[in-house]
């Protein structure tokens, strides 16, 4: 299943329904969730990010190859970055995400992940509109499963999600092959003059969106093949390299009759759902904001195809109280968060929403 395949290029505006108030765990009243439009008229927004030291700004990544900036809630007409001439956009390709250096307020460096005019993946370091250096180049054998997420981890390294290279069923067995950078969670020490690229995890199909909680725990949502979508969890104190199972497993279910390769610790998802409920998982964040008290500490995620949104809480490395929220968003391409920990959601129809009560 393609990340954005099978959905009309222009999506209708989402119908948003607030959740009915009910008792939350612990007896507190559960917040009524809603999605409030904050920016409209964007070109296929796929990510939202905040820059350190800029509490009043938000950055929106457009798949076509632009980054827009909003200051005090107003979207500026001049792009923060425009690299449309370098980007092949459409389907699962394009400018896919960005990440600000933790010391951005002093060094002004940030990073972008995009597919170039040949469809290959590039991760590039920028200051302003100037490309400083290329940190990663990966040849893409097919046009789908490009991954694309960038996030800084608790170790200060830049993490990069790489899909298995595309087609269907990982035909060249790249995800389980430690000699390939496809089907991997990579990390790069960007503070080195000669950055080293390491494999942090493998056995992923298309980790379109992953995130680190404020305590360093990793939540990785991996887009499935024909039957199952999954959310994986790795605590910060985990040692060694994880094997997320693809293409031996799709979710917790055997996909191919073979054994997982390598010495990585096999990780089974903490949550999964069948394709009767959606077809392409969109990973999100653990909510650490202040506006929605009953949501605090819960991980939010959804599905691009159905627009369904779920939340869960992790306890003892297991998911508990998985619940389907009554809000939904058609064309749910990503979640994002601002400097205060409040959450946003993007729709390919061109609108960015803020999660509110």
C-alpha atoms as a PDB file:
ATOM      1  CA  UNK A   1       0.000   0.000   0.000  1.00  0.00           C
ATOM      2  CA  UNK A   2       1.454   3.378  -0.971  1.00  0.00           C
ATOM      3  CA  UNK A   3       1.672   5.986   1.741  1.00  0.00           C
ATOM      4  CA  UNK A   4      -0.671   8.365  -0.099  1.00  0.00           C
ATOM      5  CA  UNK A   5      -1.967   5.912  -2.715  1.00  0.00           C
ATOM      6  CA  UNK A   6      -5.603   5.373  -3.549  1.00  0.00           C
ATOM      7  CA  UNK A   7      -6.750   8.760  -2.226  1.00  0.00           C
ATOM      8  CA  UNK A   8      -7.885  11.610  -4.458  1.00  0.00           C
ATOM      9  CA  UNK A   9      -5.263  14.315  -4.942  1.00  0.00           C
ATOM     10  CA  UNK A  10      -7.583  16.982  -3.647  1.00  0.00           C
ATOM     11  CA  UNK A  11      -9.277  15.983  -0.406  1.00  0.00           C
ATOM     12  CA  UNK A  12     -12.479  17.367   0.973  1.00  0.00           C
ATOM     13  CA  UNK A  13     -12.305  19.363   4.185  1.00  0.00           C
ATOM     14  CA  UNK A  14     -12.458  17.230   7.285  1.00  0.00           C
ATOM     15  CA  UNK A  15     -15.565  16.814   9.362  1.00  0.00           C
ATOM     16  CA  UNK A  16     -14.556  17.298  12.970  1.00  0.00           C
ATOM     17  CA  UNK A  17     -16.623  15.927  15.811  1.00  0.00           C
ATOM     18  CA  UNK A  18     -15.748  16.641  19.431  1.00  0.00           C
ATOM     19  CA  UNK A  19     -15.512  13.667  21.748  1.00  0.00           C
ATOM     20  CA  UNK A  20     -18.285  13.273  24.291  1.00  0.00           C
ATOM     21  CA  UNK A  21     -17.163  14.013  27.840  1.00  0.00           C
ATOM     22  CA  UNK A  22     -16.619  10.895  29.895  1.00  0.00           C
ATOM     23  CA  UNK A  23     -14.663   9.735  32.887  1.00  0.00           C
ATOM     24  CA  UNK A  24     -10.936   9.581  32.267  1.00  0.00           C
ATOM     25  CA  UNK A  25      -8.671   7.140  34.122  1.00  0.00           C
ATOM     26  CA  UNK A  26      -8.240   8.218  37.722  1.00  0.00           C
ATOM     27  CA  UNK A  27     -11.700   9.761  37.917  1.00  0.00           C
ATOM     28  CA  UNK A  28     -10.913  13.114  36.251  1.00  0.00           C
ATOM     29  CA  UNK A  29     -13.225  14.389  33.557  1.00  0.00           C
ATOM     30  CA  UNK A  30     -12.068  13.558  30.067  1.00  0.00           C
ATOM     31  CA  UNK A  31     -11.400  16.567  27.856  1.00  0.00           C
ATOM     32  CA  UNK A  32     -13.610  17.089  24.839  1.00  0.00           C
ATOM     33  CA  UNK A  33     -11.173  17.070  21.924  1.00  0.00           C
ATOM     34  CA  UNK A  34     -11.538  19.166  18.806  1.00  0.00           C
ATOM     35  CA  UNK A  35      -9.434  20.194  15.826  1.00  0.00           C
ATOM     36  CA  UNK A  36      -9.340  23.938  15.181  1.00  0.00           C
ATOM     37  CA  UNK A  37      -8.083  25.138  11.766  1.00  0.00           C
ATOM     38  CA  UNK A  38      -5.165  27.546  12.182  1.00  0.00           C
ATOM     39  CA  UNK A  39      -3.591  27.771   8.688  1.00  0.00           C
ATOM     40  CA  UNK A  40      -5.349  27.207   5.364  1.00  0.00           C
ATOM     41  CA  UNK A  41      -4.375  27.309   1.701  1.00  0.00           C
ATOM     42  CA  UNK A  42      -1.123  25.383   2.037  1.00  0.00           C
ATOM     43  CA  UNK A  43       0.258  23.061  -0.628  1.00  0.00           C
ATOM     44  CA  UNK A  44       0.110  19.508   0.765  1.00  0.00           C
ATOM     45  CA  UNK A  45       1.415  20.177   4.299  1.00  0.00           C
ATOM     46  CA  UNK A  46       3.211  17.133   5.727  1.00  0.00           C
ATOM     47  CA  UNK A  47       4.868  18.347   8.919  1.00  0.00           C
ATOM     48  CA  UNK A  48       4.839  21.038  11.629  1.00  0.00           C
ATOM     49  CA  UNK A  49       7.854  21.968  13.751  1.00  0.00           C
ATOM     50  CA  UNK A  50       8.971  24.561  16.290  1.00  0.00           C
ATOM     51  CA  UNK A  51      12.401  26.156  16.524  1.00  0.00           C
ATOM     52  CA  UNK A  52      14.272  26.406  19.852  1.00  0.00           C
ATOM     53  CA  UNK A  53      14.182  29.953  21.153  1.00  0.00           C
ATOM     54  CA  UNK A  54      11.167  30.943  19.036  1.00  0.00           C
ATOM     55  CA  UNK A  55       8.055  30.375  21.166  1.00  0.00           C
ATOM     56  CA  UNK A  56       5.831  32.428  18.859  1.00  0.00           C
ATOM     57  CA  UNK A  57       6.762  30.722  15.580  1.00  0.00           C
ATOM     58  CA  UNK A  58       5.685  27.551  13.791  1.00  0.00           C
ATOM     59  CA  UNK A  59       7.179  26.040  10.660  1.00  0.00           C
ATOM     60  CA  UNK A  60       5.082  24.092   8.159  1.00  0.00           C
ATOM     61  CA  UNK A  61       6.680  21.736   5.624  1.00  0.00           C
ATOM     62  CA  UNK A  62       4.954  21.580   2.236  1.00  0.00           C
ATOM     63  CA  UNK A  63       5.520  18.419   0.218  1.00  0.00           C
ATOM     64  CA  UNK A  64       6.203  20.429  -2.950  1.00  0.00           C
ATOM     65  CA  UNK A  65       9.506  21.650  -1.491  1.00  0.00           C
ATOM     66  CA  UNK A  66       8.782  24.700   0.651  1.00  0.00           C
ATOM     67  CA  UNK A  67       8.881  25.494   4.343  1.00  0.00           C
ATOM     68  CA  UNK A  68       6.475  28.198   5.499  1.00  0.00           C
ATOM     69  CA  UNK A  69       6.743  30.076   8.776  1.00  0.00           C
ATOM     70  CA  UNK A  70       3.930  31.486  10.893  1.00  0.00           C
ATOM     71  CA  UNK A  71       4.676  34.152  13.509  1.00  0.00           C
ATOM     72  CA  UNK A  72       2.124  34.861  16.229  1.00  0.00           C
ATOM     73  CA  UNK A  73      -0.467  32.869  14.305  1.00  0.00           C
ATOM     74  CA  UNK A  74       0.014  34.624  10.963  1.00  0.00           C
ATOM     75  CA  UNK A  75       1.442  32.718   8.012  1.00  0.00           C
ATOM     76  CA  UNK A  76       4.065  34.713   6.153  1.00  0.00           C
ATOM     77  CA  UNK A  77       3.880  34.835   2.366  1.00  0.00           C
ATOM     78  CA  UNK A  78       7.658  34.549   1.904  1.00  0.00           C
ATOM     79  CA  UNK A  79       8.857  30.959   2.410  1.00  0.00           C
ATOM     80  CA  UNK A  80      11.455  30.219   5.056  1.00  0.00           C
ATOM     81  CA  UNK A  81      12.993  27.820   2.507  1.00  0.00           C
ATOM     82  CA  UNK A  82      12.095  27.105  -1.116  1.00  0.00           C
ATOM     83  CA  UNK A  83      13.896  24.177  -2.764  1.00  0.00           C
ATOM     84  CA  UNK A  84      11.177  23.169  -5.222  1.00  0.00           C
ATOM     85  CA  UNK A  85      13.758  23.086  -8.004  1.00  0.00           C
ATOM     86  CA  UNK A  86      15.640  20.301  -6.173  1.00  0.00           C
ATOM     87  CA  UNK A  87      12.659  18.207  -5.117  1.00  0.00           C
ATOM     88  CA  UNK A  88      10.665  15.526  -6.899  1.00  0.00           C
ATOM     89  CA  UNK A  89       7.229  15.756  -5.293  1.00  0.00           C
ATOM     90  CA  UNK A  90       4.091  13.663  -5.619  1.00  0.00           C
ATOM     91  CA  UNK A  91       2.806  10.400  -4.205  1.00  0.00           C
ATOM     92  CA  UNK A  92       5.197   9.527  -1.386  1.00  0.00           C
ATOM     93  CA  UNK A  93       8.001  11.748  -2.658  1.00  0.00           C
ATOM     94  CA  UNK A  94       8.829  15.345  -1.869  1.00  0.00           C
ATOM     95  CA  UNK A  95      10.122  17.467   0.982  1.00  0.00           C
ATOM     96  CA  UNK A  96       9.064  15.199   3.833  1.00  0.00           C
ATOM     97  CA  UNK A  97      10.172  16.757   7.138  1.00  0.00           C
ATOM     98  CA  UNK A  98      12.618  19.018   8.927  1.00  0.00           C
ATOM     99  CA  UNK A  99      14.372  19.190  12.289  1.00  0.00           C
ATOM    100  CA  UNK A 100      16.004  22.107  14.093  1.00  0.00           C
ATOM    101  CA  UNK A 101      19.339  21.614  15.785  1.00  0.00           C
ATOM    102  CA  UNK A 102      18.903  21.628  19.600  1.00  0.00           C
ATOM    103  CA  UNK A 103      21.234  24.676  19.640  1.00  0.00           C
ATOM    104  CA  UNK A 104      19.440  26.401  16.781  1.00  0.00           C
ATOM    105  CA  UNK A 105      19.147  29.685  18.655  1.00  0.00           C
ATOM    106  CA  UNK A 106      22.940  30.055  18.467  1.00  0.00           C
ATOM    107  CA  UNK A 107      24.060  28.036  15.430  1.00  0.00           C
ATOM    108  CA  UNK A 108      20.941  28.546  13.224  1.00  0.00           C
ATOM    109  CA  UNK A 109      21.315  25.072  11.716  1.00  0.00           C
ATOM    110  CA  UNK A 110      18.443  22.867  10.641  1.00  0.00           C
ATOM    111  CA  UNK A 111      17.988  19.732   8.553  1.00  0.00           C
ATOM    112  CA  UNK A 112      15.665  18.651   5.759  1.00  0.00           C
ATOM    113  CA  UNK A 113      14.804  15.254   4.266  1.00  0.00           C
ATOM    114  CA  UNK A 114      13.662  15.182   0.645  1.00  0.00           C
ATOM    115  CA  UNK A 115      13.632  13.116  -2.525  1.00  0.00           C
ATOM    116  CA  UNK A 116      15.743  14.748  -5.229  1.00  0.00           C
ATOM    117  CA  UNK A 117      14.902  15.064  -8.911  1.00  0.00           C
ATOM    118  CA  UNK A 118      15.963  11.444  -9.423  1.00  0.00           C
ATOM    119  CA  UNK A 119      13.775  10.227  -6.560  1.00  0.00           C
ATOM    120  CA  UNK A 120      16.672   9.490  -4.204  1.00  0.00           C
ATOM    121  CA  UNK A 121      16.761  10.482  -0.526  1.00  0.00           C
ATOM    122  CA  UNK A 122      18.928  13.351   0.669  1.00  0.00           C
ATOM    123  CA  UNK A 123      19.335  14.684   4.198  1.00  0.00           C
ATOM    124  CA  UNK A 124      20.941  18.125   4.065  1.00  0.00           C
ATOM    125  CA  UNK A 125      22.091  20.595   6.706  1.00  0.00           C
ATOM    126  CA  UNK A 126      21.048  24.229   6.179  1.00  0.00           C
ATOM    127  CA  UNK A 127      21.656  27.633   7.693  1.00  0.00           C
ATOM    128  CA  UNK A 128      19.117  30.126   6.420  1.00  0.00           C
ATOM    129  CA  UNK A 129      18.648  29.352   2.722  1.00  0.00           C
ATOM    130  CA  UNK A 130      22.202  28.032   2.275  1.00  0.00           C
ATOM    131  CA  UNK A 131      22.896  24.299   2.098  1.00  0.00           C
ATOM    132  CA  UNK A 132      25.979  23.661   4.237  1.00  0.00           C
ATOM    133  CA  UNK A 133      26.549  19.955   3.667  1.00  0.00           C
ATOM    134  CA  UNK A 134      24.852  16.723   2.727  1.00  0.00           C
ATOM    135  CA  UNK A 135      24.709  14.252   5.600  1.00  0.00           C
ATOM    136  CA  UNK A 136      23.015  11.313   3.900  1.00  0.00           C
ATOM    137  CA  UNK A 137      22.327  10.087   0.392  1.00  0.00           C
ATOM    138  CA  UNK A 138      20.365   6.894  -0.232  1.00  0.00           C
ATOM    139  CA  UNK A 139      19.521   5.545  -3.668  1.00  0.00           C
ATOM    140  CA  UNK A 140      15.823   4.711  -3.886  1.00  0.00           C
ATOM    141  CA  UNK A 141      15.033   1.720  -6.136  1.00  0.00           C
ATOM    142  CA  UNK A 142      11.294   2.513  -6.250  1.00  0.00           C
ATOM    143  CA  UNK A 143       9.144   5.614  -5.829  1.00  0.00           C
ATOM    144  CA  UNK A 144       7.438   4.610  -2.582  1.00  0.00           C
ATOM    145  CA  UNK A 145       8.433   3.856   1.029  1.00  0.00           C
ATOM    146  CA  UNK A 146      10.808   6.798   1.395  1.00  0.00           C
ATOM    147  CA  UNK A 147      10.284   7.239   5.120  1.00  0.00           C
ATOM    148  CA  UNK A 148      11.303  10.845   5.632  1.00  0.00           C
ATOM    149  CA  UNK A 149      11.037  11.677   9.338  1.00  0.00           C
ATOM    150  CA  UNK A 150      13.809  13.626  11.049  1.00  0.00           C
ATOM    151  CA  UNK A 151      13.960  13.939  14.851  1.00  0.00           C
ATOM    152  CA  UNK A 152      16.732  14.695  17.310  1.00  0.00           C
ATOM    153  CA  UNK A 153      17.066  12.018  19.975  1.00  0.00           C
ATOM    154  CA  UNK A 154      17.937  12.367  23.658  1.00  0.00           C
ATOM    155  CA  UNK A 155      21.560  11.605  22.750  1.00  0.00           C
ATOM    156  CA  UNK A 156      21.782  14.720  20.555  1.00  0.00           C
ATOM    157  CA  UNK A 157      22.036  12.684  17.340  1.00  0.00           C
ATOM    158  CA  UNK A 158      19.764  13.241  14.344  1.00  0.00           C
ATOM    159  CA  UNK A 159      17.500  10.239  13.669  1.00  0.00           C
ATOM    160  CA  UNK A 160      16.287   9.441  10.151  1.00  0.00           C
ATOM    161  CA  UNK A 161      13.482   7.063   9.202  1.00  0.00           C
ATOM    162  CA  UNK A 162      14.179   5.110   6.005  1.00  0.00           C
ATOM    163  CA  UNK A 163      11.574   2.927   4.294  1.00  0.00           C
ATOM    164  CA  UNK A 164      12.450  -0.423   2.738  1.00  0.00           C
ATOM    165  CA  UNK A 165      12.878   1.072  -0.733  1.00  0.00           C
ATOM    166  CA  UNK A 166       9.389   0.386  -2.026  1.00  0.00           C
ATOM    167  CA  UNK A 167       7.500  -1.915  -4.322  1.00  0.00           C
ATOM    168  CA  UNK A 168       5.541  -4.428  -2.213  1.00  0.00           C
ATOM    169  CA  UNK A 169       6.638  -7.070   0.270  1.00  0.00           C
ATOM    170  CA  UNK A 170      10.262  -5.855   0.333  1.00  0.00           C
ATOM    171  CA  UNK A 171      11.204  -8.004  -2.701  1.00  0.00           C
ATOM    172  CA  UNK A 172      14.975  -7.534  -2.267  1.00  0.00           C
ATOM    173  CA  UNK A 173      14.834  -8.194   1.513  1.00  0.00           C
ATOM    174  CA  UNK A 174      16.427  -4.835   2.347  1.00  0.00           C
ATOM    175  CA  UNK A 175      14.733  -4.286   5.722  1.00  0.00           C
ATOM    176  CA  UNK A 176      16.402  -7.342   7.292  1.00  0.00           C
ATOM    177  CA  UNK A 177      19.726  -6.712   5.533  1.00  0.00           C
ATOM    178  CA  UNK A 178      22.142  -4.825   7.778  1.00  0.00           C
ATOM    179  CA  UNK A 179      24.254  -4.037   4.724  1.00  0.00           C
ATOM    180  CA  UNK A 180      21.524  -1.736   3.389  1.00  0.00           C
ATOM    181  CA  UNK A 181      20.342   1.612   4.750  1.00  0.00           C
ATOM    182  CA  UNK A 182      16.814   0.942   3.517  1.00  0.00           C
ATOM    183  CA  UNK A 183      14.247  -0.324   6.015  1.00  0.00           C
ATOM    184  CA  UNK A 184      16.220   1.249   8.867  1.00  0.00           C
ATOM    185  CA  UNK A 185      16.123   3.800  11.644  1.00  0.00           C
ATOM    186  CA  UNK A 186      19.421   5.635  11.205  1.00  0.00           C
ATOM    187  CA  UNK A 187      21.186   8.150  13.415  1.00  0.00           C
ATOM    188  CA  UNK A 188      23.815  10.763  12.530  1.00  0.00           C
ATOM    189  CA  UNK A 189      26.181  12.662  14.817  1.00  0.00           C
ATOM    190  CA  UNK A 190      25.682  16.065  13.194  1.00  0.00           C
ATOM    191  CA  UNK A 191      28.074  17.778  15.616  1.00  0.00           C
ATOM    192  CA  UNK A 192      31.039  15.923  14.112  1.00  0.00           C
ATOM    193  CA  UNK A 193      33.085  17.419  11.277  1.00  0.00           C
ATOM    194  CA  UNK A 194      32.856  14.008   9.631  1.00  0.00           C
ATOM    195  CA  UNK A 195      29.383  12.750  10.544  1.00  0.00           C
ATOM    196  CA  UNK A 196      28.997   9.024  11.036  1.00  0.00           C
ATOM    197  CA  UNK A 197      25.765   7.273  10.017  1.00  0.00           C
ATOM    198  CA  UNK A 198      24.773   4.360  12.249  1.00  0.00           C
ATOM    199  CA  UNK A 199      21.912   1.865  12.258  1.00  0.00           C
ATOM    200  CA  UNK A 200      19.806   2.267  15.387  1.00  0.00           C
ATOM    201  CA  UNK A 201      17.033  -0.110  14.299  1.00  0.00           C
ATOM    202  CA  UNK A 202      16.037  -2.236  11.325  1.00  0.00           C
ATOM    203  CA  UNK A 203      13.157  -4.299   9.999  1.00  0.00           C
ATOM    204  CA  UNK A 204      10.820  -1.384   9.222  1.00  0.00           C
ATOM    205  CA  UNK A 205       8.657  -1.066   6.142  1.00  0.00           C
ATOM    206  CA  UNK A 206       7.911   2.649   6.043  1.00  0.00           C
ATOM    207  CA  UNK A 207       8.426   4.511   9.341  1.00  0.00           C
ATOM    208  CA  UNK A 208       6.666   7.612   8.041  1.00  0.00           C
ATOM    209  CA  UNK A 209       6.456   9.253  11.464  1.00  0.00           C
ATOM    210  CA  UNK A 210       8.260   8.570  14.749  1.00  0.00           C
ATOM    211  CA  UNK A 211       8.973  10.723  17.791  1.00  0.00           C
ATOM    212  CA  UNK A 212      10.803  10.872  21.100  1.00  0.00           C
ATOM    213  CA  UNK A 213       8.940  11.647  24.298  1.00  0.00           C
ATOM    214  CA  UNK A 214      10.421  14.246  26.649  1.00  0.00           C
ATOM    215  CA  UNK A 215      11.795  11.360  28.760  1.00  0.00           C
ATOM    216  CA  UNK A 216      13.620   9.945  25.724  1.00  0.00           C
ATOM    217  CA  UNK A 217      11.287   7.023  24.949  1.00  0.00           C
ATOM    218  CA  UNK A 218      10.829   6.277  21.246  1.00  0.00           C
ATOM    219  CA  UNK A 219       7.445   5.819  19.551  1.00  0.00           C
ATOM    220  CA  UNK A 220       7.677   4.543  15.971  1.00  0.00           C
ATOM    221  CA  UNK A 221       4.645   4.025  13.728  1.00  0.00           C
ATOM    222  CA  UNK A 222       5.333   1.724  10.775  1.00  0.00           C
ATOM    223  CA  UNK A 223       3.039   1.641   7.726  1.00  0.00           C
ATOM    224  CA  UNK A 224       1.893  -1.894   6.958  1.00  0.00           C
ATOM    225  CA  UNK A 225       1.525  -3.935   3.787  1.00  0.00           C
ATOM    226  CA  UNK A 226      -1.919  -5.407   3.151  1.00  0.00           C
ATOM    227  CA  UNK A 227      -3.384  -6.161   6.551  1.00  0.00           C
ATOM    228  CA  UNK A 228      -1.928  -4.471   9.660  1.00  0.00           C
ATOM    229  CA  UNK A 229      -0.728  -1.040  10.844  1.00  0.00           C
ATOM    230  CA  UNK A 230       1.488  -0.825  13.908  1.00  0.00           C
ATOM    231  CA  UNK A 231       2.930   1.378  16.655  1.00  0.00           C
ATOM    232  CA  UNK A 232       6.234   0.389  18.275  1.00  0.00           C
ATOM    233  CA  UNK A 233       7.722   1.536  21.560  1.00  0.00           C
ATOM    234  CA  UNK A 234      11.337   1.473  22.774  1.00  0.00           C
ATOM    235  CA  UNK A 235      12.256   2.851  26.223  1.00  0.00           C
ATOM    236  CA  UNK A 236      15.200   5.209  26.489  1.00  0.00           C
ATOM    237  CA  UNK A 237      17.264   2.742  28.524  1.00  0.00           C
ATOM    238  CA  UNK A 238      17.089   0.073  25.796  1.00  0.00           C
ATOM    239  CA  UNK A 239      20.509  -1.257  24.807  1.00  0.00           C
ATOM    240  CA  UNK A 240      21.697  -2.274  21.370  1.00  0.00           C
ATOM    241  CA  UNK A 241      19.929  -2.347  18.009  1.00  0.00           C
ATOM    242  CA  UNK A 242      16.223  -3.211  17.653  1.00  0.00           C
ATOM    243  CA  UNK A 243      14.699  -5.373  14.926  1.00  0.00           C
ATOM    244  CA  UNK A 244      11.113  -4.274  14.271  1.00  0.00           C
ATOM    245  CA  UNK A 245      10.376  -7.459  12.357  1.00  0.00           C
ATOM    246  CA  UNK A 246       9.473  -6.491   8.797  1.00  0.00           C
ATOM    247  CA  UNK A 247       9.308  -8.394   6.415  1.00  0.00           C
ATOM    248  CA  UNK A 248       9.162 -11.460   8.655  1.00  0.00           C
ATOM    249  CA  UNK A 249       6.231  -9.886  10.504  1.00  0.00           C
ATOM    250  CA  UNK A 250       3.529  -7.408   9.615  1.00  0.00           C
ATOM    251  CA  UNK A 251       2.495  -6.129  13.007  1.00  0.00           C
ATOM    252  CA  UNK A 252       2.452  -9.194  15.267  1.00  0.00           C
ATOM    253  CA  UNK A 253       1.501 -11.476  12.363  1.00  0.00           C
ATOM    254  CA  UNK A 254       3.825 -13.674  10.312  1.00  0.00           C
ATOM    255  CA  UNK A 255       4.279 -12.187   6.837  1.00  0.00           C
ATOM    256  CA  UNK A 256       6.970 -14.439   5.355  1.00  0.00           C
ATOM    257  CA  UNK A 257       7.921 -17.942   6.410  1.00  0.00           C
ATOM    258  CA  UNK A 258      11.468 -17.211   7.533  1.00  0.00           C
ATOM    259  CA  UNK A 259      13.437 -16.170  10.596  1.00  0.00           C
ATOM    260  CA  UNK A 260      14.379 -12.643  11.584  1.00  0.00           C
ATOM    261  CA  UNK A 261      18.005 -11.949  10.703  1.00  0.00           C
ATOM    262  CA  UNK A 262      20.850 -10.293  12.569  1.00  0.00           C
ATOM    263  CA  UNK A 263      21.429  -9.997  16.288  1.00  0.00           C
ATOM    264  CA  UNK A 264      18.979  -7.158  16.935  1.00  0.00           C
ATOM    265  CA  UNK A 265      16.436  -7.479  19.737  1.00  0.00           C
ATOM    266  CA  UNK A 266      13.086  -8.343  18.153  1.00  0.00           C
ATOM    267  CA  UNK A 267      10.478  -5.689  18.996  1.00  0.00           C
ATOM    268  CA  UNK A 268       6.772  -6.439  18.683  1.00  0.00           C
ATOM    269  CA  UNK A 269       4.341  -3.512  18.374  1.00  0.00           C
ATOM    270  CA  UNK A 270       2.463  -2.275  21.424  1.00  0.00           C
ATOM    271  CA  UNK A 271      -0.571  -1.443  19.272  1.00  0.00           C
ATOM    272  CA  UNK A 272      -1.880  -2.486  15.889  1.00  0.00           C
ATOM    273  CA  UNK A 273      -5.086  -2.241  13.882  1.00  0.00           C
ATOM    274  CA  UNK A 274      -6.403  -4.056  10.790  1.00  0.00           C
ATOM    275  CA  UNK A 275      -7.065  -2.528   7.401  1.00  0.00           C
ATOM    276  CA  UNK A 276     -10.767  -2.568   8.098  1.00  0.00           C
ATOM    277  CA  UNK A 277      -9.972   0.511  10.256  1.00  0.00           C
ATOM    278  CA  UNK A 278      -7.495   2.228   7.936  1.00  0.00           C
ATOM    279  CA  UNK A 279      -4.557   1.564   5.636  1.00  0.00           C
ATOM    280  CA  UNK A 280      -1.649   3.862   6.542  1.00  0.00           C
ATOM    281  CA  UNK A 281      -0.694   4.773  10.102  1.00  0.00           C
ATOM    282  CA  UNK A 282       0.362   8.342  10.913  1.00  0.00           C
ATOM    283  CA  UNK A 283       2.466   8.430  14.053  1.00  0.00           C
ATOM    284  CA  UNK A 284       2.283  11.319  16.483  1.00  0.00           C
ATOM    285  CA  UNK A 285       3.545  12.456  19.869  1.00  0.00           C
ATOM    286  CA  UNK A 286       3.085  11.958  23.574  1.00  0.00           C
ATOM    287  CA  UNK A 287       1.156  14.992  24.755  1.00  0.00           C
ATOM    288  CA  UNK A 288       3.088  17.071  27.302  1.00  0.00           C
ATOM    289  CA  UNK A 289       1.236  20.365  26.931  1.00  0.00           C
ATOM    290  CA  UNK A 290      -0.826  22.148  29.573  1.00  0.00           C
ATOM    291  CA  UNK A 291      -4.123  22.909  27.820  1.00  0.00           C
ATOM    292  CA  UNK A 292      -5.554  19.352  27.805  1.00  0.00           C
ATOM    293  CA  UNK A 293      -4.991  17.888  31.252  1.00  0.00           C
ATOM    294  CA  UNK A 294      -6.651  14.505  30.688  1.00  0.00           C
ATOM    295  CA  UNK A 295      -4.580  13.945  27.545  1.00  0.00           C
ATOM    296  CA  UNK A 296      -1.249  14.529  29.270  1.00  0.00           C
ATOM    297  CA  UNK A 297       1.075  11.534  28.976  1.00  0.00           C
ATOM    298  CA  UNK A 298      -0.981   9.902  26.212  1.00  0.00           C
ATOM    299  CA  UNK A 299       0.406   9.101  22.767  1.00  0.00           C
ATOM    300  CA  UNK A 300      -1.713  10.264  19.833  1.00  0.00           C
ATOM    301  CA  UNK A 301      -1.696   8.671  16.383  1.00  0.00           C
ATOM    302  CA  UNK A 302      -4.069   8.206  13.468  1.00  0.00           C
ATOM    303  CA  UNK A 303      -4.660   6.824   9.999  1.00  0.00           C
ATOM    304  CA  UNK A 304      -4.206   8.675   6.727  1.00  0.00           C
ATOM    305  CA  UNK A 305      -6.861   6.727   4.829  1.00  0.00           C
ATOM    306  CA  UNK A 306      -9.709   6.611   7.351  1.00  0.00           C
ATOM    307  CA  UNK A 307      -8.844   9.777   9.274  1.00  0.00           C
ATOM    308  CA  UNK A 308      -9.394   7.909  12.553  1.00  0.00           C
ATOM    309  CA  UNK A 309      -7.425   9.173  15.579  1.00  0.00           C
ATOM    310  CA  UNK A 310      -6.473   7.063  18.598  1.00  0.00           C
ATOM    311  CA  UNK A 311      -4.658   7.725  21.863  1.00  0.00           C
ATOM    312  CA  UNK A 312      -2.979   5.345  24.288  1.00  0.00           C
ATOM    313  CA  UNK A 313      -0.880   5.349  27.404  1.00  0.00           C
ATOM    314  CA  UNK A 314       2.257   3.237  27.959  1.00  0.00           C
ATOM    315  CA  UNK A 315       2.839   1.517  31.305  1.00  0.00           C
ATOM    316  CA  UNK A 316       5.462  -1.162  31.843  1.00  0.00           C
ATOM    317  CA  UNK A 317       6.424  -1.000  28.141  1.00  0.00           C
ATOM    318  CA  UNK A 318       2.872  -2.010  27.183  1.00  0.00           C
ATOM    319  CA  UNK A 319      -0.041  -0.022  25.806  1.00  0.00           C
ATOM    320  CA  UNK A 320      -3.024   0.455  28.071  1.00  0.00           C
ATOM    321  CA  UNK A 321      -6.334   2.264  27.669  1.00  0.00           C
ATOM    322  CA  UNK A 322      -6.138   2.389  23.865  1.00  0.00           C
ATOM    323  CA  UNK A 323      -9.084   4.485  22.809  1.00  0.00           C
ATOM    324  CA  UNK A 324     -10.532   5.676  19.554  1.00  0.00           C
ATOM    325  CA  UNK A 325     -11.178   9.395  19.755  1.00  0.00           C
ATOM    326  CA  UNK A 326     -14.267  10.944  18.177  1.00  0.00           C
ATOM    327  CA  UNK A 327     -12.285  13.551  16.259  1.00  0.00           C
ATOM    328  CA  UNK A 328     -11.119  12.561  12.796  1.00  0.00           C
ATOM    329  CA  UNK A 329      -9.192  14.202   9.991  1.00  0.00           C
ATOM    330  CA  UNK A 330      -9.360  13.287   6.323  1.00  0.00           C
ATOM    331  CA  UNK A 331      -5.950  13.124   4.677  1.00  0.00           C
ATOM    332  CA  UNK A 332      -4.119  13.040   8.019  1.00  0.00           C
ATOM    333  CA  UNK A 333      -0.521  13.369   6.862  1.00  0.00           C
ATOM    334  CA  UNK A 334       1.259  14.227  10.118  1.00  0.00           C
ATOM    335  CA  UNK A 335       1.200  15.499  13.669  1.00  0.00           C
ATOM    336  CA  UNK A 336       3.452  18.207  15.064  1.00  0.00           C
ATOM    337  CA  UNK A 337       4.027  20.142  18.265  1.00  0.00           C
ATOM    338  CA  UNK A 338       4.947  23.682  19.242  1.00  0.00           C
ATOM    339  CA  UNK A 339       7.453  24.886  21.815  1.00  0.00           C
ATOM    340  CA  UNK A 340       4.838  24.607  24.577  1.00  0.00           C
ATOM    341  CA  UNK A 341       4.084  20.959  23.771  1.00  0.00           C
ATOM    342  CA  UNK A 342       0.673  21.654  22.198  1.00  0.00           C
ATOM    343  CA  UNK A 343      -0.182  19.401  19.265  1.00  0.00           C
ATOM    344  CA  UNK A 344      -1.110  20.049  15.642  1.00  0.00           C
ATOM    345  CA  UNK A 345      -2.291  17.878  12.761  1.00  0.00           C
ATOM    346  CA  UNK A 346      -1.857  18.408   9.028  1.00  0.00           C
ATOM    347  CA  UNK A 347      -4.146  17.412   6.184  1.00  0.00           C
ATOM    348  CA  UNK A 348      -2.984  17.050   2.598  1.00  0.00           C
ATOM    349  CA  UNK A 349      -6.034  19.117   1.632  1.00  0.00           C
ATOM    350  CA  UNK A 350      -3.985  22.142   2.692  1.00  0.00           C
ATOM    351  CA  UNK A 351      -4.941  22.891   6.287  1.00  0.00           C
ATOM    352  CA  UNK A 352      -3.103  22.751   9.607  1.00  0.00           C
ATOM    353  CA  UNK A 353      -5.218  22.143  12.720  1.00  0.00           C
ATOM    354  CA  UNK A 354      -4.514  22.628  16.412  1.00  0.00           C
ATOM    355  CA  UNK A 355      -5.688  20.024  18.888  1.00  0.00           C
ATOM    356  CA  UNK A 356      -7.908  21.794  21.414  1.00  0.00           C
ATOM    357  CA  UNK A 357     -10.492  21.091  24.056  1.00  0.00           C
END
